[in-house]
PDB file of all heavy atoms in Angstrom:
ATOM      1  N   GLY A   1     -10.784  91.265  11.302  1.00  0.00           N
ATOM      2  CA  GLY A   1     -10.053  91.312  12.648  1.00  0.00           C
ATOM      3  C   GLY A   1     -10.743  90.597  13.643  1.00  0.00           C
ATOM      4  O   GLY A   1     -11.934  90.338  13.599  1.00  0.00           O
ATOM      5  N   TRP A   2     -10.177  90.286  14.752  1.00  0.00           N
ATOM      6  CA  TRP A   2     -10.723  89.586  15.903  1.00  0.00           C
ATOM      7  C   TRP A   2      -9.974  90.063  17.188  1.00  0.00           C
ATOM      8  O   TRP A   2      -8.716  90.167  17.269  1.00  0.00           O
ATOM      9  CB  TRP A   2     -10.500  88.080  15.717  1.00  0.00           C
ATOM     10  CG  TRP A   2     -11.597  87.175  16.273  1.00  0.00           C
ATOM     11  CD1 TRP A   2     -11.428  86.449  17.341  1.00  0.00           C
ATOM     12  CD2 TRP A   2     -12.990  87.188  15.895  1.00  0.00           C
ATOM     13  NE1 TRP A   2     -12.620  85.832  17.672  1.00  0.00           N
ATOM     14  CE2 TRP A   2     -13.638  86.254  16.734  1.00  0.00           C
ATOM     15  CE3 TRP A   2     -13.665  87.805  14.883  1.00  0.00           C
ATOM     16  CZ2 TRP A   2     -14.934  85.928  16.697  1.00  0.00           C
ATOM     17  CZ3 TRP A   2     -14.959  87.425  14.799  1.00  0.00           C
ATOM     18  CH2 TRP A   2     -15.621  86.599  15.715  1.00  0.00           C
ATOM     19  N   MET A   3     -10.701  90.111  18.260  1.00  0.00           N
ATOM     20  CA  MET A   3     -10.263  90.521  19.594  1.00  0.00           C
ATOM     21  C   MET A   3      -9.569  89.323  20.233  1.00  0.00           C
ATOM     22  O   MET A   3     -10.152  88.229  20.378  1.00  0.00           O
ATOM     23  CB  MET A   3     -11.331  91.053  20.481  1.00  0.00           C
ATOM     24  CG  MET A   3     -11.964  92.373  20.025  1.00  0.00           C
ATOM     25  SD  MET A   3     -10.801  93.736  20.102  1.00  0.00           S
ATOM     26  CE  MET A   3     -10.654  93.986  21.762  1.00  0.00           C
ATOM     27  N   VAL A   4      -8.243  89.543  20.634  1.00  0.00           N
ATOM     28  CA  VAL A   4      -7.436  88.444  21.142  1.00  0.00           C
ATOM     29  C   VAL A   4      -6.590  89.022  22.288  1.00  0.00           C
ATOM     30  O   VAL A   4      -6.284  90.107  22.435  1.00  0.00           O
ATOM     31  CB  VAL A   4      -6.540  87.727  20.208  1.00  0.00           C
ATOM     32  CG1 VAL A   4      -7.267  87.212  18.966  1.00  0.00           C
ATOM     33  CG2 VAL A   4      -5.490  88.656  19.627  1.00  0.00           C
ATOM     34  N   ALA A   5      -6.264  88.014  23.259  1.00  0.00           N
ATOM     35  CA  ALA A   5      -5.227  88.301  24.278  1.00  0.00           C
ATOM     36  C   ALA A   5      -4.536  86.992  24.421  1.00  0.00           C
ATOM     37  O   ALA A   5      -5.019  85.976  24.985  1.00  0.00           O
ATOM     38  CB  ALA A   5      -5.925  88.724  25.599  1.00  0.00           C
ATOM     39  N   GLY A   6      -3.283  86.916  23.811  1.00  0.00           N
ATOM     40  CA  GLY A   6      -2.576  85.598  23.783  1.00  0.00           C
ATOM     41  C   GLY A   6      -1.177  85.656  23.977  1.00  0.00           C
ATOM     42  O   GLY A   6      -0.544  86.697  23.905  1.00  0.00           O
ATOM     43  N   TYR A   7      -0.580  84.574  24.255  1.00  0.00           N
ATOM     44  CA  TYR A   7       0.883  84.440  24.396  1.00  0.00           C
ATOM     45  C   TYR A   7       1.435  83.337  23.422  1.00  0.00           C
ATOM     46  O   TYR A   7       0.951  82.184  23.512  1.00  0.00           O
ATOM     47  CB  TYR A   7       1.206  84.132  25.861  1.00  0.00           C
ATOM     48  CG  TYR A   7       2.724  83.785  26.062  1.00  0.00           C
ATOM     49  CD1 TYR A   7       3.640  84.935  26.024  1.00  0.00           C
ATOM     50  CD2 TYR A   7       3.275  82.484  26.209  1.00  0.00           C
ATOM     51  CE1 TYR A   7       4.943  84.671  26.205  1.00  0.00           C
ATOM     52  CE2 TYR A   7       4.559  82.328  26.308  1.00  0.00           C
ATOM     53  CZ  TYR A   7       5.502  83.435  26.310  1.00  0.00           C
ATOM     54  OH  TYR A   7       6.822  83.103  26.539  1.00  0.00           O
ATOM     55  N   THR A   8       2.413  83.633  22.857  1.00  0.00           N
ATOM     56  CA  THR A   8       3.155  82.656  21.802  1.00  0.00           C
ATOM     57  C   THR A   8       4.537  82.475  22.317  1.00  0.00           C
ATOM     58  O   THR A   8       5.324  83.334  22.544  1.00  0.00           O
ATOM     59  CB  THR A   8       3.199  83.259  20.345  1.00  0.00           C
ATOM     60  OG1 THR A   8       1.817  83.536  19.882  1.00  0.00           O
ATOM     61  CG2 THR A   8       3.822  82.192  19.531  1.00  0.00           C
ATOM     62  N   ALA A   9       4.875  81.134  22.506  1.00  0.00           N
ATOM     63  CA  ALA A   9       6.226  80.691  22.999  1.00  0.00           C
ATOM     64  C   ALA A   9       6.926  80.106  21.779  1.00  0.00           C
ATOM     65  O   ALA A   9       6.461  79.296  21.005  1.00  0.00           O
ATOM     66  CB  ALA A   9       6.100  79.758  24.028  1.00  0.00           C
ATOM     67  N   GLN A  10       8.149  80.595  21.465  1.00  0.00           N
ATOM     68  CA  GLN A  10       9.034  80.121  20.527  1.00  0.00           C
ATOM     69  C   GLN A  10       9.662  78.923  21.064  1.00  0.00           C
ATOM     70  O   GLN A  10      10.581  79.117  22.012  1.00  0.00           O
ATOM     71  CB  GLN A  10       9.966  81.214  19.919  1.00  0.00           C
ATOM     72  CG  GLN A  10       9.192  82.418  19.393  1.00  0.00           C
ATOM     73  CD  GLN A  10       8.412  82.038  18.119  1.00  0.00           C
ATOM     74  OE1 GLN A  10       8.711  81.158  17.406  1.00  0.00           O
ATOM     75  NE2 GLN A  10       7.261  82.807  17.945  1.00  0.00           N
ATOM     76  N   LEU A  11       9.666  77.812  20.556  1.00  0.00           N
ATOM     77  CA  LEU A  11      10.164  76.545  21.033  1.00  0.00           C
ATOM     78  C   LEU A  11      11.356  76.095  20.300  1.00  0.00           C
ATOM     79  O   LEU A  11      12.089  75.137  20.760  1.00  0.00           O
ATOM     80  CB  LEU A  11       9.045  75.455  20.889  1.00  0.00           C
ATOM     81  CG  LEU A  11       7.776  75.703  21.495  1.00  0.00           C
ATOM     82  CD1 LEU A  11       6.814  74.429  21.396  1.00  0.00           C
ATOM     83  CD2 LEU A  11       7.869  76.011  22.937  1.00  0.00           C
ATOM     84  N   GLY A  12      11.906  76.797  19.239  1.00  0.00           N
ATOM     85  CA  GLY A  12      13.103  76.466  18.609  1.00  0.00           C
ATOM     86  C   GLY A  12      12.724  75.572  17.371  1.00  0.00           C
ATOM     87  O   GLY A  12      11.808  74.913  17.310  1.00  0.00           O
ATOM     88  N   ASN A  13      13.767  75.628  16.347  1.00  0.00           N
ATOM     89  CA  ASN A  13      13.673  74.880  15.174  1.00  0.00           C
ATOM     90  C   ASN A  13      12.268  75.156  14.379  1.00  0.00           C
ATOM     91  O   ASN A  13      11.755  74.291  13.752  1.00  0.00           O
ATOM     92  CB  ASN A  13      13.753  73.339  15.542  1.00  0.00           C
ATOM     93  CG  ASN A  13      15.122  72.984  15.961  1.00  0.00           C
ATOM     94  OD1 ASN A  13      16.098  73.470  15.485  1.00  0.00           O
ATOM     95  ND2 ASN A  13      15.177  72.058  17.003  1.00  0.00           N
ATOM     96  N   GLY A  14      11.750  76.350  14.536  1.00  0.00           N
ATOM     97  CA  GLY A  14      10.574  76.718  13.742  1.00  0.00           C
ATOM     98  C   GLY A  14       9.343  76.335  14.543  1.00  0.00           C
ATOM     99  O   GLY A  14       8.244  76.762  13.963  1.00  0.00           O
ATOM    100  N   PHE A  15       9.428  75.717  15.621  1.00  0.00           N
ATOM    101  CA  PHE A  15       8.083  75.409  16.379  1.00  0.00           C
ATOM    102  C   PHE A  15       7.768  76.488  17.329  1.00  0.00           C
ATOM    103  O   PHE A  15       8.558  77.235  17.988  1.00  0.00           O
ATOM    104  CB  PHE A  15       8.414  74.086  17.166  1.00  0.00           C
ATOM    105  CG  PHE A  15       8.442  72.888  16.426  1.00  0.00           C
ATOM    106  CD1 PHE A  15       9.572  72.424  15.717  1.00  0.00           C
ATOM    107  CD2 PHE A  15       7.277  72.161  16.234  1.00  0.00           C
ATOM    108  CE1 PHE A  15       9.552  71.298  14.991  1.00  0.00           C
ATOM    109  CE2 PHE A  15       7.336  71.008  15.428  1.00  0.00           C
ATOM    110  CZ  PHE A  15       8.471  70.568  14.822  1.00  0.00           C
ATOM    111  N   SER A  16       6.426  76.674  17.468  1.00  0.00           N
ATOM    112  CA  SER A  16       5.786  77.624  18.426  1.00  0.00           C
ATOM    113  C   SER A  16       4.533  77.158  18.996  1.00  0.00           C
ATOM    114  O   SER A  16       3.914  76.305  18.341  1.00  0.00           O
ATOM    115  CB  SER A  16       5.644  79.012  17.743  1.00  0.00           C
ATOM    116  OG  SER A  16       4.624  78.876  16.681  1.00  0.00           O
ATOM    117  N   ALA A  17       4.088  77.665  20.069  1.00  0.00           N
ATOM    118  CA  ALA A  17       2.897  77.235  20.687  1.00  0.00           C
ATOM    119  C   ALA A  17       2.188  78.494  21.251  1.00  0.00           C
ATOM    120  O   ALA A  17       2.849  79.386  21.752  1.00  0.00           O
ATOM    121  CB  ALA A  17       3.034  76.190  21.774  1.00  0.00           C
ATOM    122  N   THR A  18       0.760  78.608  21.124  1.00  0.00           N
ATOM    123  CA  THR A  18       0.060  79.751  21.524  1.00  0.00           C
ATOM    124  C   THR A  18      -1.051  79.322  22.296  1.00  0.00           C
ATOM    125  O   THR A  18      -1.735  78.285  22.146  1.00  0.00           O
ATOM    126  CB  THR A  18      -0.372  80.632  20.343  1.00  0.00           C
ATOM    127  OG1 THR A  18       0.727  81.014  19.587  1.00  0.00           O
ATOM    128  CG2 THR A  18      -1.171  81.807  20.720  1.00  0.00           C
ATOM    129  N   ILE A  19      -1.269  80.082  23.430  1.00  0.00           N
ATOM    130  CA  ILE A  19      -2.629  80.043  24.193  1.00  0.00           C
ATOM    131  C   ILE A  19      -3.233  81.379  24.250  1.00  0.00           C
ATOM    132  O   ILE A  19      -2.485  82.406  24.519  1.00  0.00           O
ATOM    133  CB  ILE A  19      -2.369  79.376  25.617  1.00  0.00           C
ATOM    134  CG1 ILE A  19      -3.708  79.182  26.298  1.00  0.00           C
ATOM    135  CG2 ILE A  19      -1.407  80.346  26.366  1.00  0.00           C
ATOM    136  CD1 ILE A  19      -4.495  77.996  25.802  1.00  0.00           C
ATOM    137  N   ALA A  20      -4.486  81.466  23.942  1.00  0.00           N
ATOM    138  CA  ALA A  20      -5.193  82.751  23.946  1.00  0.00           C
ATOM    139  C   ALA A  20      -6.651  82.803  24.338  1.00  0.00           C
ATOM    140  O   ALA A  20      -7.215  81.697  24.361  1.00  0.00           O
ATOM    141  CB  ALA A  20      -5.130  83.274  22.417  1.00  0.00           C
ATOM    142  N   LEU A  21      -7.121  83.905  24.899  1.00  0.00           N
ATOM    143  CA  LEU A  21      -8.427  84.218  25.077  1.00  0.00           C
ATOM    144  C   LEU A  21      -8.969  85.023  24.007  1.00  0.00           C
ATOM    145  O   LEU A  21      -8.288  86.090  23.781  1.00  0.00           O
ATOM    146  CB  LEU A  21      -8.619  84.936  26.532  1.00  0.00           C
ATOM    147  CG  LEU A  21      -8.056  84.269  27.624  1.00  0.00           C
ATOM    148  CD1 LEU A  21      -8.333  85.015  28.980  1.00  0.00           C
ATOM    149  CD2 LEU A  21      -8.782  82.833  27.904  1.00  0.00           C
ATOM    150  N   GLU A  22     -10.050  84.670  23.473  1.00  0.00           N
ATOM    151  CA  GLU A  22     -10.525  85.473  22.268  1.00  0.00           C
ATOM    152  C   GLU A  22     -11.979  85.767  22.273  1.00  0.00           C
ATOM    153  O   GLU A  22     -12.735  85.191  22.973  1.00  0.00           O
ATOM    154  CB  GLU A  22     -10.166  84.531  20.900  1.00  0.00           C
ATOM    155  CG  GLU A  22      -8.734  84.290  20.699  1.00  0.00           C
ATOM    156  CD  GLU A  22      -8.473  83.641  19.461  1.00  0.00           C
ATOM    157  OE1 GLU A  22      -9.503  83.397  18.609  1.00  0.00           O
ATOM    158  OE2 GLU A  22      -7.347  83.523  19.091  1.00  0.00           O
ATOM    159  N   GLN A  23     -12.366  86.731  21.450  1.00  0.00           N
ATOM    160  CA  GLN A  23     -13.733  87.060  21.213  1.00  0.00           C
ATOM    161  C   GLN A  23     -14.484  85.843  20.813  1.00  0.00           C
ATOM    162  O   GLN A  23     -14.177  85.198  19.956  1.00  0.00           O
ATOM    163  CB  GLN A  23     -13.800  88.138  20.064  1.00  0.00           C
ATOM    164  CG  GLN A  23     -15.149  88.532  19.579  1.00  0.00           C
ATOM    165  CD  GLN A  23     -15.123  89.430  18.433  1.00  0.00           C
ATOM    166  OE1 GLN A  23     -14.056  90.013  18.127  1.00  0.00           O
ATOM    167  NE2 GLN A  23     -16.103  89.695  17.723  1.00  0.00           N
ATOM    168  N   PRO A  24     -15.760  85.582  21.576  1.00  0.00           N
ATOM    169  CA  PRO A  24     -16.497  84.418  21.194  1.00  0.00           C
ATOM    170  C   PRO A  24     -16.961  84.425  19.753  1.00  0.00           C
ATOM    171  O   PRO A  24     -17.378  85.434  19.309  1.00  0.00           O
ATOM    172  CB  PRO A  24     -17.630  84.441  22.200  1.00  0.00           C
ATOM    173  CG  PRO A  24     -17.205  85.407  23.355  1.00  0.00           C
ATOM    174  CD  PRO A  24     -16.302  86.380  22.488  1.00  0.00           C
ATOM    175  N   ARG A  25     -16.978  83.287  19.141  1.00  0.00           N
ATOM    176  CA  ARG A  25     -17.570  83.063  17.775  1.00  0.00           C
ATOM    177  C   ARG A  25     -19.011  82.512  18.030  1.00  0.00           C
ATOM    178  O   ARG A  25     -19.201  81.376  18.340  1.00  0.00           O
ATOM    179  CB  ARG A  25     -16.729  82.075  16.965  1.00  0.00           C
ATOM    180  CG  ARG A  25     -15.357  82.471  16.816  1.00  0.00           C
ATOM    181  CD  ARG A  25     -14.686  81.828  15.630  1.00  0.00           C
ATOM    182  NE  ARG A  25     -13.226  82.090  15.474  1.00  0.00           N
ATOM    183  CZ  ARG A  25     -12.532  81.859  14.431  1.00  0.00           C
ATOM    184  NH1 ARG A  25     -13.194  81.362  13.310  1.00  0.00           N
ATOM    185  NH2 ARG A  25     -11.244  82.140  14.260  1.00  0.00           N
ATOM    186  N   THR A  26     -19.978  83.452  17.864  1.00  0.00           N
ATOM    187  CA  THR A  26     -21.421  83.062  18.127  1.00  0.00           C
ATOM    188  C   THR A  26     -22.258  83.317  16.899  1.00  0.00           C
ATOM    189  O   THR A  26     -22.112  84.268  16.196  1.00  0.00           O
ATOM    190  CB  THR A  26     -21.914  83.961  19.268  1.00  0.00           C
ATOM    191  OG1 THR A  26     -21.918  85.300  18.838  1.00  0.00           O
ATOM    192  CG2 THR A  26     -21.210  83.784  20.590  1.00  0.00           C
ATOM    193  N   THR A  27     -23.037  82.356  16.609  1.00  0.00           N
ATOM    194  CA  THR A  27     -24.133  82.433  15.643  1.00  0.00           C
ATOM    195  C   THR A  27     -25.437  82.272  16.442  1.00  0.00           C
ATOM    196  O   THR A  27     -25.504  82.838  17.525  1.00  0.00           O
ATOM    197  CB  THR A  27     -24.081  81.368  14.421  1.00  0.00           C
ATOM    198  OG1 THR A  27     -25.041  81.547  13.659  1.00  0.00           O
ATOM    199  CG2 THR A  27     -23.980  79.858  15.070  1.00  0.00           C
ATOM    200  N   GLU A  28     -26.478  81.642  15.895  1.00  0.00           N
ATOM    201  CA  GLU A  28     -27.729  81.621  16.519  1.00  0.00           C
ATOM    202  C   GLU A  28     -28.018  80.563  17.497  1.00  0.00           C
ATOM    203  O   GLU A  28     -27.369  79.358  17.214  1.00  0.00           O
ATOM    204  CB  GLU A  28     -28.817  81.649  15.437  1.00  0.00           C
ATOM    205  CG  GLU A  28     -30.254  82.094  15.928  1.00  0.00           C
ATOM    206  CD  GLU A  28     -30.226  83.320  16.596  1.00  0.00           C
ATOM    207  OE1 GLU A  28     -30.083  83.458  17.789  1.00  0.00           O
ATOM    208  OE2 GLU A  28     -30.595  84.348  15.880  1.00  0.00           O
ATOM    209  N   ILE A  29     -28.787  80.622  18.479  1.00  0.00           N
ATOM    210  CA  ILE A  29     -29.301  79.545  19.215  1.00  0.00           C
ATOM    211  C   ILE A  29     -30.904  79.588  19.110  1.00  0.00           C
ATOM    212  O   ILE A  29     -31.488  80.726  19.074  1.00  0.00           O
ATOM    213  CB  ILE A  29     -29.022  79.692  20.731  1.00  0.00           C
ATOM    214  CG1 ILE A  29     -27.422  79.565  20.965  1.00  0.00           C
ATOM    215  CG2 ILE A  29     -29.691  78.655  21.557  1.00  0.00           C
ATOM    216  CD1 ILE A  29     -27.025  79.689  22.315  1.00  0.00           C
ATOM    217  N   ILE A  30     -31.479  78.446  18.705  1.00  0.00           N
ATOM    218  CA  ILE A  30     -32.850  78.362  18.379  1.00  0.00           C
ATOM    219  C   ILE A  30     -33.613  77.718  19.496  1.00  0.00           C
ATOM    220  O   ILE A  30     -33.376  76.578  19.882  1.00  0.00           O
ATOM    221  CB  ILE A  30     -33.142  77.645  17.078  1.00  0.00           C
ATOM    222  CG1 ILE A  30     -32.381  78.386  15.902  1.00  0.00           C
ATOM    223  CG2 ILE A  30     -34.553  77.494  16.688  1.00  0.00           C
ATOM    224  CD1 ILE A  30     -32.330  77.700  14.706  1.00  0.00           C
ATOM    225  N   GLY A  31     -34.666  78.385  20.086  1.00  0.00           N
ATOM    226  CA  GLY A  31     -35.415  77.917  21.088  1.00  0.00           C
ATOM    227  C   GLY A  31     -36.971  77.909  20.793  1.00  0.00           C
ATOM    228  O   GLY A  31     -37.389  78.982  20.302  1.00  0.00           O
ATOM    229  N   GLN A  32     -37.564  76.784  20.944  1.00  0.00           N
ATOM    230  CA  GLN A  32     -39.019  76.763  20.420  1.00  0.00           C
ATOM    231  C   GLN A  32     -39.826  77.709  21.328  1.00  0.00           C
ATOM    232  O   GLN A  32     -39.680  77.664  22.544  1.00  0.00           O
ATOM    233  CB  GLN A  32     -39.475  75.255  20.477  1.00  0.00           C
ATOM    234  CG  GLN A  32     -40.964  75.151  19.970  1.00  0.00           C
ATOM    235  CD  GLN A  32     -41.402  73.739  20.158  1.00  0.00           C
ATOM    236  OE1 GLN A  32     -41.171  73.148  21.104  1.00  0.00           O
ATOM    237  NE2 GLN A  32     -42.179  73.253  19.121  1.00  0.00           N
ATOM    238  N   GLY A  33     -40.725  78.489  20.695  1.00  0.00           N
ATOM    239  CA  GLY A  33     -41.658  79.295  21.346  1.00  0.00           C
ATOM    240  C   GLY A  33     -41.321  80.694  21.350  1.00  0.00           C
ATOM    241  O   GLY A  33     -42.107  81.600  21.535  1.00  0.00           O
ATOM    242  N   ALA A  34     -40.035  81.029  20.908  1.00  0.00           N
ATOM    243  CA  ALA A  34     -39.666  82.527  20.768  1.00  0.00           C
ATOM    244  C   ALA A  34     -40.074  83.024  19.432  1.00  0.00           C
ATOM    245  O   ALA A  34     -39.977  82.341  18.452  1.00  0.00           O
ATOM    246  CB  ALA A  34     -38.227  82.670  20.979  1.00  0.00           C
ATOM    247  N   THR A  35     -40.667  84.193  19.471  1.00  0.00           N
ATOM    248  CA  THR A  35     -41.008  84.786  18.179  1.00  0.00           C
ATOM    249  C   THR A  35     -40.202  86.222  18.108  1.00  0.00           C
ATOM    250  O   THR A  35     -40.401  87.004  18.895  1.00  0.00           O
ATOM    251  CB  THR A  35     -42.537  85.161  18.228  1.00  0.00           C
ATOM    252  OG1 THR A  35     -43.268  84.062  18.399  1.00  0.00           O
ATOM    253  CG2 THR A  35     -42.871  85.890  16.924  1.00  0.00           C
ATOM    254  N   PRO A  36     -39.301  86.168  17.063  1.00  0.00           N
ATOM    255  CA  PRO A  36     -38.535  87.353  16.878  1.00  0.00           C
ATOM    256  C   PRO A  36     -39.439  88.659  16.681  1.00  0.00           C
ATOM    257  O   PRO A  36     -40.634  88.509  15.975  1.00  0.00           O
ATOM    258  CB  PRO A  36     -37.779  87.019  15.582  1.00  0.00           C
ATOM    259  CG  PRO A  36     -37.731  85.643  15.488  1.00  0.00           C
ATOM    260  CD  PRO A  36     -39.030  85.171  16.011  1.00  0.00           C
ATOM    261  N   SER A  37     -39.062  89.862  17.015  1.00  0.00           N
ATOM    262  CA  SER A  37     -39.810  90.990  16.802  1.00  0.00           C
ATOM    263  C   SER A  37     -39.939  91.354  15.397  1.00  0.00           C
ATOM    264  O   SER A  37     -40.860  92.132  15.059  1.00  0.00           O
ATOM    265  CB  SER A  37     -39.159  92.142  17.653  1.00  0.00           C
ATOM    266  OG  SER A  37     -37.854  92.417  17.204  1.00  0.00           O
TER     267      SER A  37
END
């Protein structure tokens, strides 16, 4: 699952469009000099 807040517009003939705010998809950012605990 994923956290979302979106709106979907039905445009007719099977077409739709969605705009949404969603939970960020984050992995790692690597910075030289940092030592993990």
